[in-house]
Structure formats: C-alpha cells, structure tokens
Amino acid sequence: MIDRRTFLEHAGFGLGAAALHSMAPGSLDPAVAPRIRRVIFLCMAGGPSQLETFDYKPELQRRDGQPMPASFTKDQPIAQLQGQKLRVLRPLARWGRYGESGQTVSHWLPWTARLADDIAIIRSMKTTQINHDPAHTVMNTGTAISGRPSMGSWINYGLGSEADDLPGFVVLTSAKGRNPQPIASRQWHSGFLPSRFQGVDFQSVGDPVHYLSNPPGVTRPGQRDVVDTVSELNRLRNRVNRDPETEARIAQYELAFRMQTSVPGLTDFSDESPEVLDMYGAKGMDGSYAANCLLARRLAERGVRFIQLYHRGWDHHGDLERWMKVCCGATDRATWALVTDLKQRGLLEDTLVVWGGEFGRTPMFQGKGKHPGRDHHIKGFSMWLCGGGVKGGITHGATDELGYNAVDKVVTVHDLHATMLHLLGIDHERFTVKHQGLDMRLTGVEPARVVREVLA
C-alpha cells in the first residue's frame, strides 16, 4: 500500500484538487458510493442524561428511592458515587410519542420532538472512559491515548475541503449550563497527521480566527507579496528537507490569506432573512449555540467538510431539573432549526448530523434533598443521527429495565466512527496511516462495524 503522507509530500498540487486521488488505495469503500459530503457533529459536552431525553424507563419510577440492585453496579466503574449508598432516581421528565414513527422524546426537547421522523435514535451507546476529558478523547479520536488525530482531522486528511478559502475542519464552542467543563484544543488536533488537517477554532469575539486581520499600515497587495515570498523560501528549503510540516506551512499561509476575504463575510449574518434569524433564535455572532448552529449551516454551504459544535454545561451532578431546562433551552430550538434549514436548502441529503455527549448519566441519585442529579455513566447512553444515508424515525438498540447497561444492538464509539466513514464512502479498515511502524486508523484495532440498521 502506498503511504499517503509520502504521496502528498511528493505531489506538487493542492489537497482540494487531489482529494480523492490522494486516498490510499482501497480506502474508498468499493461497496458503496459516498452518501454524504460533510459531517456536523453537535457535542453536548458534559454528558446529557439519556434518562431525561430519549430513554424512558418506567421501572425507575416504580423503584424511585429504593437501593440500586448490586447486581448492576458491583465492580462497575462509577465516577463520584463510588463507595456511596446507591439509590434509584425516577425519570424527572415527562414523555410523549411524536411523529408518524412515534419516537419517544422528553418534554425538555419539544423542538427535537418535531424531528422525530428525521432522526435515528441510538439508545445503546457505550464508551470506555468515566471522566470528561478522556471520554471526549475517546469520542473524538477513538482512543483514550492523548495525541492521536481527531475524527475531523482524519476526514479532512482523507477527503480534503471542498472550499479553497476555508479550513476543511472548523470548531465552534458555546457554554450555558451547570459547571461548563473546559475543552482542550487537542480534542480537534491532527495528532501524527500533518498539522494542516487539524480543526480551526472560530472565536465569537473579535476576529473569528486569531491574527486574521492585517495590522494598521499593511495592505492586501503587500500581504500578498509577503505570503508569496515566504512560501517560495519555504519551497526552496523543502527541496532539501522534504518536511511535511513545511508543506503544511506553505498551504496554511495561502489558506490564511484567502480567509482574510472569506471569513468576514461568512460571519456577517446581515444577509440572512429575519425569518431565518428568528428560526434559530440567533442575534449575530454572540458566541451562543444558536449563532453557532447558523454559522454551521453557512460553513456547510461553503464546502467545509467537518463542522464540530461543542455546547458546554451538561454536567448535571445536582439540580438536574433546573439545568436540563437551561441546557435544553439553549440548544433545542437551534438544533431543530439547523436540521430544518439544511433540509429546506437541500443540504441535509448529503450531510450527516450527529447529536450526543461523551457519555450519559446514571440511573442512581446523586446530590442532596429535593434537587437531585446523576453521575457520569458509560455503560449505556443515547445519541442520534440524521441526514444523508440515515433512516429517520427509528430507535436502535436498548438498555436494560433500569437504563444501566446497553443490552441490545450495542453501538461502540468505534462503530459510530466506522458508520460515519462508511457514509463518506471510506472503508474504515483500509483507511490507515503508518505511524511508529503501525498501520493506524480511527477505528483502532478492536472489532468495529458499520451500524447498517440505521442506514437507509
């Protein structure tokens, strides 16, 4: 197999023009044509409770306040409840069935409920890490080992951006809720892949991208001369060194120059109709999740391959009812608006939208008195998919009667990644990069499968 990095080092043309040709032989899945062109990953950072969103468990109501059966929890990883008396906590949400499909959704997500026939709810997700940062690392990179490439970087590396004036991988962050956990930039890093494939974090205050604007006295023609001169010096040096990071630097200087023109217009919402702004609940680039959802649609229109939104605030160890209302109030309508807007513009048919956190929450009570919460939980939680290639209006998998263990049609993070790559037309088992003598891949060495049951 030709090493893809070596190919790119010796190729003299841009990644966007060479995207498909620069794939390692066999990486493109011969069994299926690409169903999607891009991914929008909506990460509810902190771990939303599946038991108050998509996984209704009547048995929890019947056992409310009773001891949690030891048969479920003995020798199992528990975060902050370790060594404490474990009591069952009833569902705190009200529930209904929505759409022709009759999907079960909680009252805290009335706008998502309108998407019932568009989304595939996976109730049987499992992950391996019980604390936030390593769990995010698993969700983003497929492993708890820091320093590996993120899923967005893998996809950007494999397919490139469809835009020549924007990055192929963009990250947007917002926060509103209880104890917003920090998100480290290594969650969207390129790891051992060339650095030009890492995510670019857009800011909500000032320049969307750091150092994008020219300082006073620097004109655009003058900046063009500087970029051309520096790039030529780098090329001269690279003829001797053959350093992939020099190639990355040349490409990024050129991209940054083009972004000086493209980004200001991208983040100016004045060309959006009042109806669209109202649909999202957006009031301009104010750092809100609503604004980020609208910006995600604009990025998708302009050819960005992987768009990742983090909303921080879902770590509900206490006062769950209060904080669910806050977090859902900040995100629910804008999520619906994003999917609806994509659908109306014909973009949803070739976009995969993913919603979920790094893990879920326990069926057990945490906190004090009348304001309970739930601890971190990795054995069974919920996510949803919609868009191109996804079968809407279905629920896949199940947890046990108390919502503790995923017991039917279990889906791992590697399975999620394999499915995402499959929809992009990539064979996850063959999409590898040689690193430290090993053929590394996003889905790792453990068995992973495409979750074909959720595919149309």
Protein backbone atom coordinates (compact mmCIF):
# COMPACT_ATOMS: atom_id res chain seq x y z
CA MET A 1 0.00 0.00 0.00
CA ILE A 2 1.35 3.45 -0.90
CA ASP A 3 1.88 5.60 2.16
CA ARG A 4 -0.45 8.55 1.76
CA ARG A 5 1.83 11.00 3.54
CA THR A 6 4.70 10.15 1.19
CA PHE A 7 2.38 10.67 -1.77
CA LEU A 8 1.36 14.13 -0.57
CA GLU A 9 4.94 15.16 0.20
CA HIS A 10 5.97 14.50 -3.40
CA ALA A 11 2.80 15.72 -5.10
CA GLY A 12 3.00 19.29 -6.33
CA PHE A 13 -0.65 20.24 -6.18
CA GLY A 14 -3.20 21.31 -3.58
CA LEU A 15 -5.15 18.85 -1.49
CA GLY A 16 -8.53 20.12 -2.60
CA ALA A 17 -7.83 19.23 -6.24
CA ALA A 18 -6.24 15.92 -5.33
CA ALA A 19 -8.54 14.81 -2.53
CA LEU A 20 -9.89 11.59 -3.96
CA HIS A 21 -6.75 10.71 -5.90
CA SER A 22 -4.59 11.07 -2.79
CA MET A 23 -6.52 8.46 -0.82
CA ALA A 24 -4.55 5.36 -0.04
CA PRO A 25 -5.55 2.59 -2.47
CA GLY A 26 -8.50 0.70 -1.06
CA SER A 27 -9.52 3.44 1.37
CA LEU A 28 -12.58 4.30 -0.63
CA ASP A 29 -15.22 1.69 0.13
CA PRO A 30 -15.87 -0.26 -3.09
CA ALA A 31 -19.20 -1.50 -1.74
CA VAL A 32 -20.89 1.89 -1.59
CA ALA A 33 -20.78 5.28 -3.18
CA PRO A 34 -20.44 8.21 -0.76
CA ARG A 35 -23.83 9.11 0.70
CA ILE A 36 -22.70 12.36 2.31
CA ARG A 37 -20.16 15.10 1.68
CA ARG A 38 -19.85 16.56 5.16
CA VAL A 39 -20.45 15.96 8.88
CA ILE A 40 -21.86 18.31 11.53
CA PHE A 41 -21.19 16.90 14.99
CA LEU A 42 -23.22 18.50 17.80
CA CYS A 43 -21.38 17.64 21.00
CA MET A 44 -23.32 18.21 24.22
CA ALA A 45 -20.23 18.43 26.40
CA GLY A 46 -20.64 17.19 29.96
CA GLY A 47 -22.87 14.22 29.22
CA PRO A 48 -26.62 14.80 28.81
CA SER A 49 -28.88 12.40 30.69
CA GLN A 50 -30.36 9.81 28.36
CA LEU A 51 -32.95 9.15 31.08
CA GLU A 52 -34.33 12.68 30.65
CA THR A 53 -34.01 12.93 26.88
CA PHE A 54 -34.55 9.75 24.81
CA ASP A 55 -34.58 6.64 27.04
CA TYR A 56 -37.78 6.41 29.09
CA LYS A 57 -37.62 3.82 31.89
CA PRO A 58 -40.92 3.26 33.77
CA GLU A 59 -39.16 0.82 36.10
CA LEU A 60 -37.15 3.71 37.54
CA GLN A 61 -40.43 5.37 38.53
CA ARG A 62 -41.57 2.21 40.33
CA ARG A 63 -38.26 1.84 42.17
CA ASP A 64 -37.68 5.51 42.95
CA GLY A 65 -35.67 5.88 46.17
CA GLN A 66 -35.01 2.15 46.53
CA PRO A 67 -31.48 0.74 46.71
CA MET A 68 -29.92 0.17 43.31
CA PRO A 69 -29.55 -3.62 42.87
CA ALA A 70 -25.94 -4.60 43.49
CA SER A 71 -26.11 -6.99 40.54
CA PHE A 72 -25.99 -3.94 38.25
CA THR A 73 -23.26 -1.92 39.93
CA LYS A 74 -20.87 -4.37 41.64
CA ASP A 75 -17.29 -3.90 40.38
CA GLN A 76 -18.51 -1.41 37.76
CA PRO A 77 -16.76 1.93 37.07
CA ILE A 78 -18.57 4.79 38.82
CA ALA A 79 -17.28 8.35 38.95
CA GLN A 80 -18.33 10.36 42.03
CA LEU A 81 -20.73 7.84 43.58
CA GLN A 82 -18.04 5.27 44.28
CA GLY A 83 -18.40 3.92 47.83
CA GLN A 84 -21.74 5.66 48.47
CA LYS A 85 -25.18 4.18 49.05
CA LEU A 86 -26.76 3.94 45.63
CA ARG A 87 -30.45 4.75 45.28
CA VAL A 88 -32.64 4.67 42.21
CA LEU A 89 -33.79 8.04 40.83
CA ARG A 90 -37.04 8.21 38.88
CA PRO A 91 -37.24 9.93 35.47
CA LEU A 92 -37.60 13.65 36.07
CA ALA A 93 -39.01 14.36 32.62
CA ARG A 94 -42.46 13.99 31.13
CA TRP A 95 -42.60 11.89 27.98
CA GLY A 96 -44.54 11.75 24.74
CA ARG A 97 -44.56 9.99 21.38
CA TYR A 98 -44.00 12.14 18.33
CA GLY A 99 -44.26 11.97 14.56
CA GLU A 100 -45.68 9.18 12.48
CA SER A 101 -42.88 7.00 13.85
CA GLY A 102 -43.96 7.51 17.47
CA GLN A 103 -40.43 8.25 18.71
CA THR A 104 -40.25 8.72 22.49
CA VAL A 105 -38.81 12.12 23.46
CA SER A 106 -38.87 14.05 26.73
CA HIS A 107 -40.73 17.31 27.32
CA TRP A 108 -37.43 19.17 27.64
CA LEU A 109 -36.83 18.70 23.90
CA PRO A 110 -40.04 19.92 22.24
CA TRP A 111 -38.23 21.16 19.14
CA THR A 112 -36.20 17.99 18.67
CA ALA A 113 -39.50 16.11 19.03
CA ARG A 114 -40.54 17.78 15.76
CA LEU A 115 -37.65 15.92 14.11
CA ALA A 116 -38.91 12.53 15.29
CA ASP A 117 -39.35 11.21 11.76
CA ASP A 118 -35.96 12.51 10.62
CA ILE A 119 -33.67 11.14 13.33
CA ALA A 120 -32.37 7.69 14.20
CA ILE A 121 -32.06 7.47 17.98
CA ILE A 122 -29.37 5.10 19.22
CA ARG A 123 -30.16 4.08 22.81
CA SER A 124 -27.35 1.54 23.17
CA MET A 125 -24.15 3.59 23.03
CA LYS A 126 -21.18 2.53 25.16
CA THR A 127 -17.82 4.11 25.80
CA THR A 128 -14.79 3.26 27.94
CA GLN A 129 -13.80 6.33 29.98
CA ILE A 130 -15.72 7.55 33.04
CA ASN A 131 -14.34 11.11 33.28
CA HIS A 132 -14.86 14.04 30.93
CA ASP A 133 -11.53 14.71 29.27
CA PRO A 134 -10.59 11.09 28.49
CA ALA A 135 -14.17 10.38 27.41
CA HIS A 136 -14.03 13.32 24.99
CA THR A 137 -10.70 11.97 23.77
CA VAL A 138 -12.30 8.59 23.03
CA MET A 139 -15.26 10.19 21.26
CA ASN A 140 -13.00 12.40 19.17
CA THR A 141 -10.04 10.14 18.44
CA GLY A 142 -11.22 6.58 19.13
CA THR A 143 -8.74 6.09 21.96
CA ALA A 144 -8.03 7.48 25.45
CA ILE A 145 -4.38 7.98 24.47
CA SER A 146 -3.73 11.70 24.02
CA GLY A 147 -2.06 12.90 20.85
CA ARG A 148 -3.95 10.83 18.28
CA PRO A 149 -5.71 12.51 15.32
CA SER A 150 -9.28 13.62 15.85
CA MET A 151 -12.10 12.28 13.69
CA GLY A 152 -12.40 15.63 11.93
CA SER A 153 -8.70 15.57 11.11
CA TRP A 154 -8.93 12.03 9.75
CA ILE A 155 -11.81 13.03 7.48
CA ASN A 156 -10.14 16.27 6.43
CA TYR A 157 -6.97 14.29 5.67
CA GLY A 158 -8.84 11.67 3.68
CA LEU A 159 -11.18 13.85 1.63
CA GLY A 160 -9.94 17.41 1.96
CA SER A 161 -12.06 20.53 2.00
CA GLU A 162 -14.41 21.43 -0.83
CA ALA A 163 -13.57 25.08 -0.17
CA ASP A 164 -10.28 26.70 -1.12
CA ASP A 165 -10.81 29.72 1.14
CA LEU A 166 -11.87 27.98 4.38
CA PRO A 167 -10.43 25.18 6.52
CA GLY A 168 -11.74 21.68 5.99
CA PHE A 169 -12.40 21.28 9.73
CA VAL A 170 -13.94 24.05 11.87
CA VAL A 171 -14.73 24.00 15.60
CA LEU A 172 -17.30 26.23 17.36
CA THR A 173 -17.85 26.38 21.12
CA SER A 174 -20.58 27.78 23.37
CA ALA A 175 -21.43 27.48 27.06
CA LYS A 176 -24.57 27.75 29.15
CA GLY A 177 -25.47 25.43 31.98
CA ARG A 178 -24.02 23.85 35.10
CA ASN A 179 -20.23 23.82 35.53
CA PRO A 180 -19.17 24.09 31.87
CA GLN A 181 -16.21 21.74 31.52
CA PRO A 182 -13.18 23.08 29.65
CA ILE A 183 -12.49 21.61 26.22
CA ALA A 184 -8.81 21.23 25.33
CA SER A 185 -7.72 22.14 21.81
CA ARG A 186 -6.09 18.74 21.46
CA GLN A 187 -9.64 17.37 21.03
CA TRP A 188 -9.51 18.68 17.45
CA HIS A 189 -5.77 18.23 16.89
CA SER A 190 -4.29 16.39 13.91
CA GLY A 191 -2.01 14.21 16.04
CA PHE A 192 0.54 12.44 13.83
CA LEU A 193 -1.19 13.69 10.65
CA PRO A 194 0.19 16.89 9.06
CA SER A 195 -0.88 19.92 11.08
CA ARG A 196 -2.86 21.50 8.24
CA PHE A 197 -5.59 18.91 8.89
CA GLN A 198 -6.31 19.98 12.47
CA GLY A 199 -9.50 21.81 13.38
CA VAL A 200 -9.61 25.59 13.37
CA ASP A 201 -11.37 27.06 16.39
CA PHE A 202 -13.53 30.05 15.40
CA GLN A 203 -13.88 32.72 18.09
CA SER A 204 -17.10 34.56 18.92
CA VAL A 205 -15.47 37.86 19.97
CA GLY A 206 -13.17 39.92 17.76
CA ASP A 207 -11.64 38.23 14.74
CA PRO A 208 -13.24 34.80 14.26
CA VAL A 209 -9.74 33.45 13.64
CA HIS A 210 -6.76 34.83 15.57
CA TYR A 211 -4.47 37.21 13.66
CA LEU A 212 -6.70 37.14 10.60
CA SER A 213 -6.85 40.92 10.15
CA ASN A 214 -3.87 42.83 8.86
CA PRO A 215 -2.26 45.28 11.32
CA PRO A 216 -2.53 49.01 10.54
CA GLY A 217 -0.48 50.00 7.51
CA VAL A 218 -0.42 46.55 5.90
CA THR A 219 -2.29 46.46 2.59
CA ARG A 220 -3.66 43.38 0.87
CA PRO A 221 -1.17 43.61 -2.05
CA GLY A 222 1.64 43.98 0.49
CA GLN A 223 0.39 40.95 2.39
CA ARG A 224 0.23 39.01 -0.90
CA ASP A 225 3.90 39.81 -1.55
CA VAL A 226 4.89 38.62 1.94
CA VAL A 227 2.96 35.35 1.61
CA ASP A 228 4.44 34.67 -1.84
CA THR A 229 7.99 35.42 -0.70
CA VAL A 230 7.79 33.36 2.49
CA SER A 231 6.19 30.45 0.61
CA GLU A 232 8.93 30.49 -2.02
CA LEU A 233 11.61 30.46 0.69
CA ASN A 234 9.87 27.52 2.30
CA ARG A 235 9.70 25.68 -1.04
CA LEU A 236 13.42 26.23 -1.64
CA ARG A 237 14.22 24.82 1.78
CA ASN A 238 11.79 21.95 1.35
CA ARG A 239 13.55 20.75 -1.80
CA VAL A 240 16.36 19.74 0.52
CA ASN A 241 14.46 18.70 3.67
CA ARG A 242 11.24 17.15 2.31
CA ASP A 243 9.50 18.05 5.58
CA PRO A 244 5.69 17.52 5.58
CA GLU A 245 5.32 20.32 8.12
CA THR A 246 6.95 22.74 5.68
CA GLU A 247 4.36 21.69 3.11
CA ALA A 248 1.70 22.30 5.76
CA ARG A 249 3.11 25.75 6.49
CA ILE A 250 3.04 26.73 2.82
CA ALA A 251 -0.55 25.56 2.46
CA GLN A 252 -1.67 27.31 5.65
CA TYR A 253 -0.11 30.65 4.72
CA GLU A 254 -2.00 30.55 1.45
CA LEU A 255 -5.25 29.49 3.13
CA ALA A 256 -4.93 32.21 5.77
CA PHE A 257 -4.51 34.82 3.06
CA ARG A 258 -7.68 33.67 1.28
CA MET A 259 -9.55 33.51 4.61
CA GLN A 260 -8.92 37.22 5.12
CA THR A 261 -11.51 37.74 2.42
CA SER A 262 -13.87 34.83 3.03
CA VAL A 263 -14.27 34.82 6.82
CA PRO A 264 -15.63 38.36 7.42
CA GLY A 265 -18.50 37.70 5.01
CA LEU A 266 -19.06 34.25 6.47
CA THR A 267 -19.61 35.59 9.98
CA ASP A 268 -21.74 38.57 8.94
CA PHE A 269 -25.36 37.48 9.31
CA SER A 270 -26.81 40.64 7.77
CA ASP A 271 -27.63 38.74 4.58
CA GLU A 272 -29.87 36.31 6.49
CA SER A 273 -33.61 36.99 6.48
CA PRO A 274 -35.39 37.93 9.73
CA GLU A 275 -37.32 34.66 9.43
CA VAL A 276 -34.12 32.61 9.41
CA LEU A 277 -32.62 34.52 12.34
CA ASP A 278 -35.84 34.04 14.28
CA MET A 279 -35.94 30.33 13.44
CA TYR A 280 -32.52 29.82 15.02
CA GLY A 281 -33.02 32.39 17.76
CA ALA A 282 -29.73 33.96 16.64
CA LYS A 283 -28.79 37.58 17.29
CA GLY A 284 -25.48 37.76 15.46
CA MET A 285 -22.07 36.32 16.29
CA ASP A 286 -22.53 36.40 20.07
CA GLY A 287 -20.97 33.06 20.98
CA SER A 288 -24.31 31.36 21.58
CA TYR A 289 -25.15 27.85 20.43
CA ALA A 290 -27.88 29.37 18.24
CA ALA A 291 -25.36 31.56 16.43
CA ASN A 292 -23.00 28.61 16.05
CA CYS A 293 -25.75 26.48 14.50
CA LEU A 294 -26.46 29.18 11.93
CA LEU A 295 -22.74 29.55 11.27
CA ALA A 296 -22.53 25.76 10.85
CA ARG A 297 -25.09 25.92 8.05
CA ARG A 298 -23.13 28.72 6.38
CA LEU A 299 -19.92 26.70 6.67
CA ALA A 300 -21.65 23.67 5.19
CA GLU A 301 -22.85 25.75 2.23
CA ARG A 302 -19.30 26.89 1.59
CA GLY A 303 -17.75 23.44 1.46
CA VAL A 304 -16.32 22.82 4.94
CA ARG A 305 -16.01 19.05 5.37
CA PHE A 306 -16.29 18.60 9.17
CA ILE A 307 -18.00 21.07 11.50
CA GLN A 308 -17.98 20.40 15.23
CA LEU A 309 -20.06 22.31 17.77
CA TYR A 310 -19.43 21.96 21.50
CA HIS A 311 -22.03 23.21 23.95
CA ARG A 312 -20.59 23.07 27.46
CA GLY A 313 -22.85 22.83 30.52
CA TRP A 314 -24.38 19.33 30.61
CA ASP A 315 -22.53 18.03 33.70
CA HIS A 316 -25.62 17.66 35.90
CA HIS A 317 -24.47 16.11 39.18
CA GLY A 318 -27.10 18.13 41.04
CA ASP A 319 -30.24 20.17 40.45
CA LEU A 320 -30.91 18.19 37.30
CA GLU A 321 -34.33 19.64 36.55
CA ARG A 322 -33.06 23.21 36.67
CA TRP A 323 -30.03 22.59 34.48
CA MET A 324 -31.84 20.41 31.96
CA LYS A 325 -34.21 23.30 31.41
CA VAL A 326 -31.28 25.68 30.94
CA CYS A 327 -29.27 23.47 28.57
CA CYS A 328 -32.22 22.33 26.51
CA GLY A 329 -33.47 25.89 26.36
CA ALA A 330 -30.13 26.98 24.95
CA THR A 331 -29.79 24.21 22.36
CA ASP A 332 -33.08 22.51 21.46
CA ARG A 333 -34.62 25.08 19.14
CA ALA A 334 -31.36 25.86 17.33
CA THR A 335 -30.70 22.15 16.76
CA TRP A 336 -34.15 21.81 15.18
CA ALA A 337 -33.53 24.97 13.14
CA LEU A 338 -30.20 23.67 11.82
CA VAL A 339 -31.66 20.36 10.65
CA THR A 340 -34.76 22.06 9.23
CA ASP A 341 -32.73 24.74 7.45
CA LEU A 342 -30.37 22.15 5.94
CA LYS A 343 -33.39 20.16 4.78
CA GLN A 344 -35.09 23.18 3.20
CA ARG A 345 -31.94 24.10 1.30
CA GLY A 346 -31.29 20.58 0.01
CA LEU A 347 -28.15 20.20 2.14
CA LEU A 348 -29.39 17.58 4.58
CA GLU A 349 -29.41 14.88 1.93
CA ASP A 350 -25.60 14.96 1.75
CA THR A 351 -24.88 15.98 5.36
CA LEU A 352 -24.65 13.72 8.42
CA VAL A 353 -25.74 15.41 11.66
CA VAL A 354 -24.72 13.72 14.92
CA TRP A 355 -26.04 14.75 18.38
CA GLY A 356 -24.76 13.47 21.72
CA GLY A 357 -22.29 13.76 24.58
CA GLU A 358 -19.13 11.99 25.64
CA PHE A 359 -21.21 9.68 27.89
CA GLY A 360 -24.58 9.61 29.68
CA ARG A 361 -25.81 9.70 33.29
CA THR A 362 -26.52 7.08 35.94
CA PRO A 363 -29.94 5.74 36.94
CA MET A 364 -28.80 6.42 40.51
CA PHE A 365 -29.49 9.50 42.61
CA GLN A 366 -26.69 11.99 43.22
CA GLY A 367 -26.86 15.15 45.30
CA LYS A 368 -28.88 16.17 48.31
CA GLY A 369 -32.52 16.69 49.25
CA LYS A 370 -35.02 17.86 46.67
CA HIS A 371 -32.52 18.77 43.95
CA PRO A 372 -31.02 15.50 42.73
CA GLY A 373 -28.63 14.94 39.86
CA ARG A 374 -26.97 12.00 38.14
CA ASP A 375 -23.35 10.85 37.94
CA HIS A 376 -21.31 10.03 34.81
CA HIS A 377 -22.29 6.81 33.06
CA ILE A 378 -20.56 4.86 30.25
CA LYS A 379 -22.44 1.55 30.06
CA GLY A 380 -25.47 2.78 28.13
CA PHE A 381 -26.47 6.19 26.76
CA SER A 382 -28.23 7.80 23.81
CA MET A 383 -27.21 9.70 20.68
CA TRP A 384 -28.99 10.45 17.42
CA LEU A 385 -28.09 10.69 13.75
CA CYS A 386 -29.90 12.23 10.81
CA GLY A 387 -29.28 13.29 7.26
CA GLY A 388 -27.87 11.63 4.19
CA GLY A 389 -27.98 7.86 4.26
CA VAL A 390 -29.69 7.68 7.66
CA LYS A 391 -33.06 6.01 8.17
CA GLY A 392 -35.21 8.53 10.02
CA GLY A 393 -37.92 7.73 12.54
CA ILE A 394 -36.28 4.69 14.10
CA THR A 395 -34.90 3.76 17.50
CA HIS A 396 -31.91 1.43 17.52
CA GLY A 397 -30.81 -0.69 20.46
CA ALA A 398 -31.88 -0.65 24.08
CA THR A 399 -30.66 -0.53 27.65
CA ASP A 400 -31.91 -2.79 30.46
CA GLU A 401 -35.01 -2.01 32.52
CA LEU A 402 -33.10 0.43 34.75
CA GLY A 403 -31.15 2.09 31.94
CA TYR A 404 -27.80 0.88 33.27
CA ASN A 405 -26.37 -1.47 30.63
CA ALA A 406 -26.76 -1.38 26.86
CA VAL A 407 -28.12 -4.88 26.22
CA ASP A 408 -29.47 -4.94 22.67
CA LYS A 409 -27.69 -3.92 19.43
CA VAL A 410 -24.84 -2.30 21.32
CA VAL A 411 -23.01 0.51 19.50
CA THR A 412 -19.46 1.49 20.46
CA VAL A 413 -17.66 4.73 19.64
CA HIS A 414 -15.64 2.78 17.06
CA ASP A 415 -18.90 1.62 15.47
CA LEU A 416 -20.07 5.23 15.29
CA HIS A 417 -16.81 6.25 13.60
CA ALA A 418 -16.99 3.31 11.18
CA THR A 419 -20.54 4.30 10.21
CA MET A 420 -19.55 7.92 9.68
CA LEU A 421 -16.64 6.94 7.44
CA HIS A 422 -18.83 4.48 5.53
CA LEU A 423 -21.34 7.23 4.73
CA LEU A 424 -18.45 9.31 3.40
CA GLY A 425 -17.51 6.41 1.15
CA ILE A 426 -14.45 5.32 3.17
CA ASP A 427 -13.62 1.78 4.27
CA HIS A 428 -12.61 2.26 7.91
CA GLU A 429 -10.48 -0.90 7.95
CA ARG A 430 -8.35 0.20 5.00
CA PHE A 431 -8.11 3.90 5.80
CA THR A 432 -4.75 3.73 7.59
CA VAL A 433 -1.61 5.78 8.10
CA LYS A 434 1.77 4.32 9.02
CA HIS A 435 2.94 5.69 12.37
CA GLN A 436 5.71 4.28 14.55
CA GLY A 437 5.72 1.13 12.46
CA LEU A 438 1.98 0.50 12.79
CA ASP A 439 -0.94 0.96 10.41
CA MET A 440 -3.00 3.37 12.49
CA ARG A 441 -6.70 4.03 11.91
CA LEU A 442 -9.52 5.99 13.52
CA THR A 443 -11.41 2.82 14.49
CA GLY A 444 -8.41 1.19 16.19
CA VAL A 445 -7.56 -2.50 16.36
CA GLU A 446 -10.63 -3.80 18.19
CA PRO A 447 -13.56 -5.01 16.06
CA ALA A 448 -15.75 -2.19 14.75
CA ARG A 449 -18.73 -2.42 12.46
CA VAL A 450 -20.87 -0.15 10.33
CA VAL A 451 -24.28 0.17 12.03
CA ARG A 452 -26.21 -0.71 8.90
CA GLU A 453 -29.51 -1.00 10.76
CA VAL A 454 -29.72 2.81 10.96
CA LEU A 455 -28.87 3.35 7.30
CA ALA A 456 -31.47 3.96 4.62
